[in-house]
Amino acid sequence: YRRLIALVGVQLLLWLFVGVPDDQNPSDAAIAVALAALLGVFGVFIGILITSYAWMKQLGSKSPLLLTIGMCIPLVNLLVLAAISSKAQAWFARSGVTVGFMGPKKASLERLRRGDA
């Protein structure tokens, strides 16, 4: 869960660097930064797809592939992320795990692992 949230955040940040070169006179350094950022975005994108599919499958979604495809579409991916987050938070609540902004609290997960939840 945390990984998926972090990957989407990193992807959004990397997109800022893709547009670094100036259209009129791009420098070699700006082009290198943009290419590195684009490679980073691609790697993060693959991580997002793998993680979102695994989460949806693990949470028992009826259409994990459809939701994973939704993660490929800009802005729609934020809605899909909200849906995944909602399903994950409901599962955590049923399991007695407290969830914060970036996912489940470590103490709650430890209780769940020990079987105290």
C-alpha atoms as a PDB file:
ATOM      1  CA  TYR A   1       0.000   0.000   0.000  1.00  0.00           C
ATOM      2  CA  ARG A   2       2.739   2.436   0.973  1.00  0.00           C
ATOM      3  CA  ARG A   3       4.740   1.400  -2.054  1.00  0.00           C
ATOM      4  CA  LEU A   4       1.866   2.218  -4.416  1.00  0.00           C
ATOM      5  CA  ILE A   5       1.275   5.644  -2.853  1.00  0.00           C
ATOM      6  CA  ALA A   6       5.012   6.408  -2.946  1.00  0.00           C
ATOM      7  CA  LEU A   7       5.363   5.245  -6.567  1.00  0.00           C
ATOM      8  CA  VAL A   8       2.555   7.510  -7.755  1.00  0.00           C
ATOM      9  CA  GLY A   9       4.112  10.442  -5.862  1.00  0.00           C
ATOM     10  CA  VAL A  10       7.549   9.778  -7.355  1.00  0.00           C
ATOM     11  CA  GLN A  11       6.024   9.501 -10.817  1.00  0.00           C
ATOM     12  CA  LEU A  12       4.370  12.904 -10.446  1.00  0.00           C
ATOM     13  CA  LEU A  13       7.652  14.454  -9.293  1.00  0.00           C
ATOM     14  CA  LEU A  14       9.656  12.893 -12.128  1.00  0.00           C
ATOM     15  CA  TRP A  15       7.269  14.328 -14.707  1.00  0.00           C
ATOM     16  CA  LEU A  16       8.406  17.793 -13.593  1.00  0.00           C
ATOM     17  CA  PHE A  17      11.933  17.032 -14.818  1.00  0.00           C
ATOM     18  CA  VAL A  18      10.893  15.592 -18.176  1.00  0.00           C
ATOM     19  CA  GLY A  19      10.045  19.080 -19.435  1.00  0.00           C
ATOM     20  CA  VAL A  20      13.341  20.650 -18.280  1.00  0.00           C
ATOM     21  CA  PRO A  21      14.960  21.317 -21.699  1.00  0.00           C
ATOM     22  CA  ASP A  22      14.192  24.722 -23.188  1.00  0.00           C
ATOM     23  CA  ASP A  23      12.487  24.428 -26.591  1.00  0.00           C
ATOM     24  CA  GLN A  24      14.577  27.208 -28.127  1.00  0.00           C
ATOM     25  CA  ASN A  25      18.059  26.184 -26.994  1.00  0.00           C
ATOM     26  CA  PRO A  26      18.217  22.917 -25.046  1.00  0.00           C
ATOM     27  CA  SER A  27      21.498  22.306 -23.245  1.00  0.00           C
ATOM     28  CA  ASP A  28      23.106  18.880 -23.094  1.00  0.00           C
ATOM     29  CA  ALA A  29      22.700  18.753 -19.314  1.00  0.00           C
ATOM     30  CA  ALA A  30      18.981  19.587 -19.533  1.00  0.00           C
ATOM     31  CA  ILE A  31      18.475  16.908 -22.160  1.00  0.00           C
ATOM     32  CA  ALA A  32      20.351  14.373 -19.997  1.00  0.00           C
ATOM     33  CA  VAL A  33      18.205  15.235 -16.965  1.00  0.00           C
ATOM     34  CA  ALA A  34      15.022  14.954 -19.032  1.00  0.00           C
ATOM     35  CA  LEU A  35      16.058  11.570 -20.466  1.00  0.00           C
ATOM     36  CA  ALA A  36      17.017  10.247 -17.028  1.00  0.00           C
ATOM     37  CA  ALA A  37      13.689  11.453 -15.643  1.00  0.00           C
ATOM     38  CA  LEU A  38      11.827   9.829 -18.537  1.00  0.00           C
ATOM     39  CA  LEU A  39      13.587   6.513 -17.862  1.00  0.00           C
ATOM     40  CA  GLY A  40      12.722   6.913 -14.190  1.00  0.00           C
ATOM     41  CA  VAL A  41       9.075   7.579 -15.040  1.00  0.00           C
ATOM     42  CA  PHE A  42       8.999   4.432 -17.177  1.00  0.00           C
ATOM     43  CA  GLY A  43      10.509   2.322 -14.383  1.00  0.00           C
ATOM     44  CA  VAL A  44       8.124   3.747 -11.800  1.00  0.00           C
ATOM     45  CA  PHE A  45       5.233   3.183 -14.204  1.00  0.00           C
ATOM     46  CA  ILE A  46       6.083  -0.533 -14.457  1.00  0.00           C
ATOM     47  CA  GLY A  47       6.296  -0.687 -10.646  1.00  0.00           C
ATOM     48  CA  ILE A  48       2.882   0.971 -10.342  1.00  0.00           C
ATOM     49  CA  LEU A  49       1.298  -1.523 -12.728  1.00  0.00           C
ATOM     50  CA  ILE A  50       2.773  -4.546 -10.967  1.00  0.00           C
ATOM     51  CA  THR A  51       1.916  -3.250  -7.496  1.00  0.00           C
ATOM     52  CA  SER A  52      -1.636  -2.161  -8.340  1.00  0.00           C
ATOM     53  CA  TYR A  53      -2.415  -5.494 -10.026  1.00  0.00           C
ATOM     54  CA  ALA A  54      -1.031  -7.448  -7.078  1.00  0.00           C
ATOM     55  CA  TRP A  55      -3.009  -5.341  -4.581  1.00  0.00           C
ATOM     56  CA  MET A  56      -6.277  -5.636  -6.462  1.00  0.00           C
ATOM     57  CA  LYS A  57      -5.840  -9.377  -6.862  1.00  0.00           C
ATOM     58  CA  GLN A  58      -4.954  -9.773  -3.189  1.00  0.00           C
ATOM     59  CA  LEU A  59      -7.966  -7.698  -2.122  1.00  0.00           C
ATOM     60  CA  GLY A  60     -10.264  -9.936  -4.169  1.00  0.00           C
ATOM     61  CA  SER A  61     -11.201  -7.453  -6.879  1.00  0.00           C
ATOM     62  CA  LYS A  62     -13.315  -8.891  -9.670  1.00  0.00           C
ATOM     63  CA  SER A  63     -11.418  -6.909 -12.313  1.00  0.00           C
ATOM     64  CA  PRO A  64      -7.786  -6.370 -11.271  1.00  0.00           C
ATOM     65  CA  LEU A  65      -6.637  -6.180 -14.907  1.00  0.00           C
ATOM     66  CA  LEU A  66      -9.183  -3.479 -15.758  1.00  0.00           C
ATOM     67  CA  LEU A  67      -8.115  -1.382 -12.766  1.00  0.00           C
ATOM     68  CA  THR A  68      -4.464  -1.898 -13.691  1.00  0.00           C
ATOM     69  CA  ILE A  69      -5.201  -0.639 -17.203  1.00  0.00           C
ATOM     70  CA  GLY A  70      -6.887   2.370 -15.568  1.00  0.00           C
ATOM     71  CA  MET A  71      -3.561   3.138 -13.890  1.00  0.00           C
ATOM     72  CA  CYS A  72      -2.122   3.724 -17.406  1.00  0.00           C
ATOM     73  CA  ILE A  73      -4.431   6.654 -18.150  1.00  0.00           C
ATOM     74  CA  PRO A  74      -3.362  10.057 -16.785  1.00  0.00           C
ATOM     75  CA  LEU A  75      -5.743  11.507 -14.189  1.00  0.00           C
ATOM     76  CA  VAL A  76      -7.845   8.331 -14.318  1.00  0.00           C
ATOM     77  CA  ASN A  77      -4.966   6.719 -12.416  1.00  0.00           C
ATOM     78  CA  LEU A  78      -5.675   9.051  -9.489  1.00  0.00           C
ATOM     79  CA  LEU A  79      -9.293   7.851  -9.386  1.00  0.00           C
ATOM     80  CA  VAL A  80      -8.147   4.223  -9.591  1.00  0.00           C
ATOM     81  CA  LEU A  81      -5.641   4.906  -6.819  1.00  0.00           C
ATOM     82  CA  ALA A  82      -8.492   6.284  -4.693  1.00  0.00           C
ATOM     83  CA  ALA A  83     -10.523   3.120  -5.387  1.00  0.00           C
ATOM     84  CA  ILE A  84      -7.572   0.890  -4.456  1.00  0.00           C
ATOM     85  CA  SER A  85      -6.989   2.955  -1.337  1.00  0.00           C
ATOM     86  CA  SER A  86     -10.635   2.668  -0.341  1.00  0.00           C
ATOM     87  CA  LYS A  87     -10.630  -1.127  -0.776  1.00  0.00           C
ATOM     88  CA  ALA A  88      -7.367  -1.450   1.129  1.00  0.00           C
ATOM     89  CA  GLN A  89      -8.575   0.735   3.997  1.00  0.00           C
ATOM     90  CA  ALA A  90     -11.794  -1.289   4.251  1.00  0.00           C
ATOM     91  CA  TRP A  91      -9.765  -4.511   4.397  1.00  0.00           C
ATOM     92  CA  PHE A  92      -7.462  -3.048   7.053  1.00  0.00           C
ATOM     93  CA  ALA A  93     -10.460  -1.875   9.101  1.00  0.00           C
ATOM     94  CA  ARG A  94     -12.012  -5.370   8.974  1.00  0.00           C
ATOM     95  CA  SER A  95      -8.668  -6.767  10.137  1.00  0.00           C
ATOM     96  CA  GLY A  96      -8.399  -4.271  13.005  1.00  0.00           C
ATOM     97  CA  VAL A  97      -5.421  -2.421  11.523  1.00  0.00           C
ATOM     98  CA  THR A  98      -5.223   1.345  12.048  1.00  0.00           C
ATOM     99  CA  VAL A  99      -4.505   3.236   8.826  1.00  0.00           C
ATOM    100  CA  GLY A 100      -2.768   6.601   8.568  1.00  0.00           C
ATOM    101  CA  PHE A 101      -2.015   8.873   5.598  1.00  0.00           C
ATOM    102  CA  MET A 102       0.710   6.628   4.168  1.00  0.00           C
ATOM    103  CA  GLY A 103      -0.899   3.308   5.009  1.00  0.00           C
ATOM    104  CA  PRO A 104      -1.197   1.025   7.990  1.00  0.00           C
ATOM    105  CA  LYS A 105       0.541   1.858  11.261  1.00  0.00           C
ATOM    106  CA  LYS A 106       3.485  -0.423  12.030  1.00  0.00           C
ATOM    107  CA  ALA A 107       2.220  -1.252  15.521  1.00  0.00           C
ATOM    108  CA  SER A 108      -1.127  -2.390  14.077  1.00  0.00           C
ATOM    109  CA  LEU A 109       0.619  -4.577  11.518  1.00  0.00           C
ATOM    110  CA  GLU A 110       2.730  -6.169  14.231  1.00  0.00           C
ATOM    111  CA  ARG A 111      -0.442  -6.956  16.223  1.00  0.00           C
ATOM    112  CA  LEU A 112      -1.980  -8.481  13.107  1.00  0.00           C
ATOM    113  CA  ARG A 113       1.126 -10.625  12.492  1.00  0.00           C
ATOM    114  CA  ARG A 114       1.091 -11.845  16.080  1.00  0.00           C
ATOM    115  CA  GLY A 115      -2.626 -12.568  15.874  1.00  0.00           C
ATOM    116  CA  ASP A 116      -3.587 -10.022  18.582  1.00  0.00           C
ATOM    117  CA  ALA A 117      -5.891  -8.015  16.261  1.00  0.00           C
END
